[in-house]
PDB file of N, CA and C in Angstrom:
ATOM      1  N   MET A   1     -21.826   3.276   7.486  1.00  0.00           N
ATOM      2  CA  MET A   1     -21.231   2.838   8.802  1.00  0.00           C
ATOM      3  C   MET A   1     -19.810   2.592   8.623  1.00  0.00           C
ATOM      4  N   LYS A   2     -18.871   2.767   7.453  1.00  0.00           N
ATOM      5  CA  LYS A   2     -17.272   2.807   7.756  1.00  0.00           C
ATOM      6  C   LYS A   2     -17.476   4.464   7.841  1.00  0.00           C
ATOM      7  N   ARG A   3     -18.055   5.369   7.402  1.00  0.00           N
ATOM      8  CA  ARG A   3     -17.862   6.797   7.751  1.00  0.00           C
ATOM      9  C   ARG A   3     -17.736   6.985   8.870  1.00  0.00           C
ATOM     10  N   GLN A   4     -18.883   6.577   9.900  1.00  0.00           N
ATOM     11  CA  GLN A   4     -19.067   6.572  11.280  1.00  0.00           C
ATOM     12  C   GLN A   4     -17.574   6.535  12.056  1.00  0.00           C
ATOM     13  N   LYS A   5     -17.067   4.971  11.825  1.00  0.00           N
ATOM     14  CA  LYS A   5     -16.174   4.550  12.427  1.00  0.00           C
ATOM     15  C   LYS A   5     -14.921   5.495  12.309  1.00  0.00           C
ATOM     16  N   ARG A   6     -14.662   5.929  10.998  1.00  0.00           N
ATOM     17  CA  ARG A   6     -13.723   6.518  10.459  1.00  0.00           C
ATOM     18  C   ARG A   6     -13.705   8.186  11.408  1.00  0.00           C
ATOM     19  N   ASP A   7     -15.070   8.809  11.237  1.00  0.00           N
ATOM     20  CA  ASP A   7     -15.052   9.758  12.471  1.00  0.00           C
ATOM     21  C   ASP A   7     -14.510   9.738  13.560  1.00  0.00           C
ATOM     22  N   ARG A   8     -14.951   8.401  13.980  1.00  0.00           N
ATOM     23  CA  ARG A   8     -14.540   8.267  15.473  1.00  0.00           C
ATOM     24  C   ARG A   8     -13.243   8.190  15.815  1.00  0.00           C
ATOM     25  N   LEU A   9     -12.897   7.181  15.042  1.00  0.00           N
ATOM     26  CA  LEU A   9     -11.333   7.397  15.230  1.00  0.00           C
ATOM     27  C   LEU A   9     -10.461   8.308  14.830  1.00  0.00           C
ATOM     28  N   GLU A  10     -11.249   9.057  13.615  1.00  0.00           N
ATOM     29  CA  GLU A  10     -10.517  10.605  13.607  1.00  0.00           C
ATOM     30  C   GLU A  10     -10.028  11.631  14.904  1.00  0.00           C
ATOM     31  N   ARG A  11     -11.292  11.609  15.484  1.00  0.00           N
ATOM     32  CA  ARG A  11     -12.060  12.446  17.053  1.00  0.00           C
ATOM     33  C   ARG A  11     -10.564  11.689  17.741  1.00  0.00           C
ATOM     34  N   ALA A  12     -10.587  10.494  17.767  1.00  0.00           N
ATOM     35  CA  ALA A  12      -9.595   9.841  19.108  1.00  0.00           C
ATOM     36  C   ALA A  12      -8.237  10.062  18.367  1.00  0.00           C
ATOM     37  N   HIS A  13      -7.536  10.376  17.204  1.00  0.00           N
ATOM     38  CA  HIS A  13      -6.759  11.017  17.099  1.00  0.00           C
ATOM     39  C   HIS A  13      -6.895  12.085  17.207  1.00  0.00           C
ATOM     40  N   GLN A  14      -7.409  13.122  17.246  1.00  0.00           N
ATOM     41  CA  GLN A  14      -7.628  14.470  17.326  1.00  0.00           C
ATOM     42  C   GLN A  14      -7.354  15.047  19.149  1.00  0.00           C
ATOM     43  N   ARG A  15      -8.315  14.062  19.379  1.00  0.00           N
ATOM     44  CA  ARG A  15      -8.355  14.267  20.824  1.00  0.00           C
ATOM     45  C   ARG A  15      -6.526  13.552  21.325  1.00  0.00           C
ATOM     46  N   GLY A  16      -5.905  13.036  21.018  1.00  0.00           N
ATOM     47  CA  GLY A  16      -4.636  13.019  21.596  1.00  0.00           C
ATOM     48  C   GLY A  16      -4.083  13.641  21.053  1.00  0.00           C
ATOM     49  N   TYR A  17      -4.295  14.184  19.577  1.00  0.00           N
ATOM     50  CA  TYR A  17      -2.956  14.999  19.581  1.00  0.00           C
ATOM     51  C   TYR A  17      -2.895  16.234  20.583  1.00  0.00           C
ATOM     52  N   GLN A  18      -4.165  17.003  20.779  1.00  0.00           N
ATOM     53  CA  GLN A  18      -4.681  17.785  21.679  1.00  0.00           C
ATOM     54  C   GLN A  18      -3.984  17.311  23.167  1.00  0.00           C
ATOM     55  N   ALA A  19      -3.968  16.408  23.547  1.00  0.00           N
ATOM     56  CA  ALA A  19      -3.651  15.531  24.982  1.00  0.00           C
ATOM     57  C   ALA A  19      -1.966  16.060  25.073  1.00  0.00           C
ATOM     58  N   GLY A  20      -1.158  15.620  23.850  1.00  0.00           N
ATOM     59  CA  GLY A  20      -0.145  15.726  23.865  1.00  0.00           C
ATOM     60  C   GLY A  20       0.692  17.039  23.982  1.00  0.00           C
ATOM     61  N   MET A  21      -0.458  17.971  23.192  1.00  0.00           N
ATOM     62  CA  MET A  21       0.656  19.312  23.161  1.00  0.00           C
ATOM     63  C   MET A  21       0.238  20.039  24.095  1.00  0.00           C
ATOM     64  N   THR A  22      -1.059  19.747  25.217  1.00  0.00           N
ATOM     65  CA  THR A  22      -1.173  20.470  26.656  1.00  0.00           C
ATOM     66  C   THR A  22      -0.251  19.861  27.683  1.00  0.00           C
ATOM     67  N   GLY A  23       0.603  18.569  27.048  1.00  0.00           N
ATOM     68  CA  GLY A  23       1.307  18.044  28.101  1.00  0.00           C
ATOM     69  C   GLY A  23       0.920  16.528  28.932  1.00  0.00           C
ATOM     70  N   ARG A  24       0.082  16.673  28.575  1.00  0.00           N
ATOM     71  CA  ARG A  24      -1.251  15.190  29.439  1.00  0.00           C
ATOM     72  C   ARG A  24      -0.012  13.989  29.125  1.00  0.00           C
ATOM     73  N   PRO A  25      -0.288  13.037  30.193  1.00  0.00           N
ATOM     74  CA  PRO A  25       1.001  11.950  29.858  1.00  0.00           C
ATOM     75  C   PRO A  25       0.109  10.820  29.176  1.00  0.00           C
ATOM     76  N   LYS A  26       0.525   9.930  28.438  1.00  0.00           N
ATOM     77  CA  LYS A  26       0.036   9.165  27.586  1.00  0.00           C
ATOM     78  C   LYS A  26      -1.050   7.645  28.332  1.00  0.00           C
ATOM     79  N   GLU A  27      -0.709   7.697  29.930  1.00  0.00           N
ATOM     80  CA  GLU A  27      -1.708   6.629  30.492  1.00  0.00           C
ATOM     81  C   GLU A  27      -3.161   7.598  30.725  1.00  0.00           C
ATOM     82  N   MET A  28      -3.214   8.682  30.224  1.00  0.00           N
ATOM     83  CA  MET A  28      -4.081   9.485  30.415  1.00  0.00           C
ATOM     84  C   MET A  28      -5.170   8.947  29.347  1.00  0.00           C
ATOM     85  N   CYS A  29      -5.033   8.379  28.682  1.00  0.00           N
ATOM     86  CA  CYS A  29      -5.786   8.134  27.581  1.00  0.00           C
ATOM     87  C   CYS A  29      -7.296   7.465  27.881  1.00  0.00           C
ATOM     88  N   PRO A  30      -8.455   8.101  27.349  1.00  0.00           N
ATOM     89  CA  PRO A  30      -9.416   7.495  28.286  1.00  0.00           C
ATOM     90  C   PRO A  30     -10.309   6.490  27.321  1.00  0.00           C
ATOM     91  N   TYR A  31      -9.792   6.214  26.493  1.00  0.00           N
ATOM     92  CA  TYR A  31     -10.148   5.043  25.501  1.00  0.00           C
ATOM     93  C   TYR A  31      -9.809   3.479  25.823  1.00  0.00           C
ATOM     94  N   GLN A  32     -10.803   2.447  25.997  1.00  0.00           N
ATOM     95  CA  GLN A  32     -10.476   1.235  26.359  1.00  0.00           C
ATOM     96  C   GLN A  32     -10.653   0.448  25.166  1.00  0.00           C
ATOM     97  N   ALA A  33     -11.400   0.591  23.893  1.00  0.00           N
ATOM     98  CA  ALA A  33     -11.414   0.039  22.861  1.00  0.00           C
ATOM     99  C   ALA A  33      -9.816   0.072  21.941  1.00  0.00           C
ATOM    100  N   VAL A  34      -9.502  -1.169  21.925  1.00  0.00           N
ATOM    101  CA  VAL A  34      -8.095  -0.900  20.924  1.00  0.00           C
ATOM    102  C   VAL A  34      -7.732  -0.140  19.746  1.00  0.00           C
ATOM    103  N   ASN A  35      -8.871  -0.304  18.605  1.00  0.00           N
ATOM    104  CA  ASN A  35      -8.604   0.877  17.777  1.00  0.00           C
ATOM    105  C   ASN A  35      -8.603   2.168  18.112  1.00  0.00           C
ATOM    106  N   GLN A  36      -9.382   2.641  19.211  1.00  0.00           N
ATOM    107  CA  GLN A  36      -9.920   4.125  19.305  1.00  0.00           C
ATOM    108  C   GLN A  36      -8.560   4.378  20.109  1.00  0.00           C
ATOM    109  N   ARG A  37      -7.879   3.541  21.438  1.00  0.00           N
ATOM    110  CA  ARG A  37      -6.919   4.000  21.879  1.00  0.00           C
ATOM    111  C   ARG A  37      -5.478   4.228  21.159  1.00  0.00           C
ATOM    112  N   SER A  38      -5.456   3.290  19.791  1.00  0.00           N
ATOM    113  CA  SER A  38      -4.538   3.482  18.949  1.00  0.00           C
ATOM    114  C   SER A  38      -4.149   4.795  18.507  1.00  0.00           C
ATOM    115  N   TYR A  39      -5.390   5.104  18.165  1.00  0.00           N
ATOM    116  CA  TYR A  39      -5.681   6.470  17.156  1.00  0.00           C
ATOM    117  C   TYR A  39      -5.178   6.933  18.239  1.00  0.00           C
ATOM    118  N   TRP A  40      -5.801   7.209  19.507  1.00  0.00           N
ATOM    119  CA  TRP A  40      -5.361   8.272  20.604  1.00  0.00           C
ATOM    120  C   TRP A  40      -3.929   8.420  20.393  1.00  0.00           C
ATOM    121  N   LEU A  41      -3.441   7.213  20.950  1.00  0.00           N
ATOM    122  CA  LEU A  41      -2.067   7.296  21.455  1.00  0.00           C
ATOM    123  C   LEU A  41      -1.336   7.590  19.947  1.00  0.00           C
ATOM    124  N   GLY A  42      -1.799   7.515  18.878  1.00  0.00           N
ATOM    125  CA  GLY A  42      -1.121   7.909  17.378  1.00  0.00           C
ATOM    126  C   GLY A  42      -0.823   9.203  17.462  1.00  0.00           C
ATOM    127  N   GLY A  43      -1.870  10.038  17.652  1.00  0.00           N
ATOM    128  CA  GLY A  43      -1.981  11.454  18.073  1.00  0.00           C
ATOM    129  C   GLY A  43      -1.110  12.066  19.062  1.00  0.00           C
ATOM    130  N   TRP A  44      -1.351  11.486  20.330  1.00  0.00           N
ATOM    131  CA  TRP A  44      -0.401  11.951  21.260  1.00  0.00           C
ATOM    132  C   TRP A  44       1.167  11.949  20.920  1.00  0.00           C
ATOM    133  N   ARG A  45       1.523  10.820  20.226  1.00  0.00           N
ATOM    134  CA  ARG A  45       2.999  10.734  19.744  1.00  0.00           C
ATOM    135  C   ARG A  45       3.250  11.685  18.644  1.00  0.00           C
ATOM    136  N   GLU A  46       2.453  12.002  17.617  1.00  0.00           N
ATOM    137  CA  GLU A  46       2.420  13.056  16.661  1.00  0.00           C
ATOM    138  C   GLU A  46       2.816  14.459  17.465  1.00  0.00           C
ATOM    139  N   ALA A  47       2.171  14.172  18.534  1.00  0.00           N
ATOM    140  CA  ALA A  47       2.351  15.787  19.024  1.00  0.00           C
ATOM    141  C   ALA A  47       3.458  15.990  19.755  1.00  0.00           C
ATOM    142  N   MET A  48       3.846  15.043  20.543  1.00  0.00           N
ATOM    143  CA  MET A  48       5.249  14.958  21.370  1.00  0.00           C
ATOM    144  C   MET A  48       6.634  14.964  19.915  1.00  0.00           C
ATOM    145  N   ASP A  49       6.313  14.735  19.089  1.00  0.00           N
ATOM    146  CA  ASP A  49       7.126  14.780  18.040  1.00  0.00           C
ATOM    147  C   ASP A  49       7.369  16.240  17.629  1.00  0.00           C
ATOM    148  N   VAL A  50       6.182  16.896  17.511  1.00  0.00           N
ATOM    149  CA  VAL A  50       6.231  18.188  16.944  1.00  0.00           C
ATOM    150  C   VAL A  50       6.751  18.994  18.067  1.00  0.00           C
ATOM    151  N   LYS A  51       6.398  18.944  19.473  1.00  0.00           N
ATOM    152  CA  LYS A  51       6.998  19.250  20.684  1.00  0.00           C
ATOM    153  C   LYS A  51       8.430  19.448  20.576  1.00  0.00           C
ATOM    154  N   VAL A  52       9.084  18.540  19.955  1.00  0.00           N
ATOM    155  CA  VAL A  52      10.504  18.374  20.328  1.00  0.00           C
ATOM    156  C   VAL A  52      11.060  18.992  19.092  1.00  0.00           C
ATOM    157  N   LEU A  53      10.313  19.244  18.206  1.00  0.00           N
ATOM    158  CA  LEU A  53      10.595  20.061  16.781  1.00  0.00           C
ATOM    159  C   LEU A  53      10.753  21.457  17.109  1.00  0.00           C
ATOM    160  N   ILE A  54       9.938  22.179  18.277  1.00  0.00           N
ATOM    161  CA  ILE A  54       9.912  23.405  18.133  1.00  0.00           C
ATOM    162  C   ILE A  54      10.864  23.833  19.380  1.00  0.00           C
ATOM    163  N   ALA A  55      11.334  22.668  20.210  1.00  0.00           N
ATOM    164  CA  ALA A  55      11.846  23.227  21.911  1.00  0.00           C
ATOM    165  C   ALA A  55      13.461  23.192  20.853  1.00  0.00           C
TER     166      ALA A  55
END
């Protein structure tokens, strides 16, 4: 059970990262559940930091 939860959260993080790298706004987060939403936003923020370092 815990592994499945972790995989879902990791997937949310990866999708948030991809969204951030492609320039999607954070308001476009597809998740409503608090845990998944926070992981998605964490990935999105990580991508924004990387984009700032590259520019």
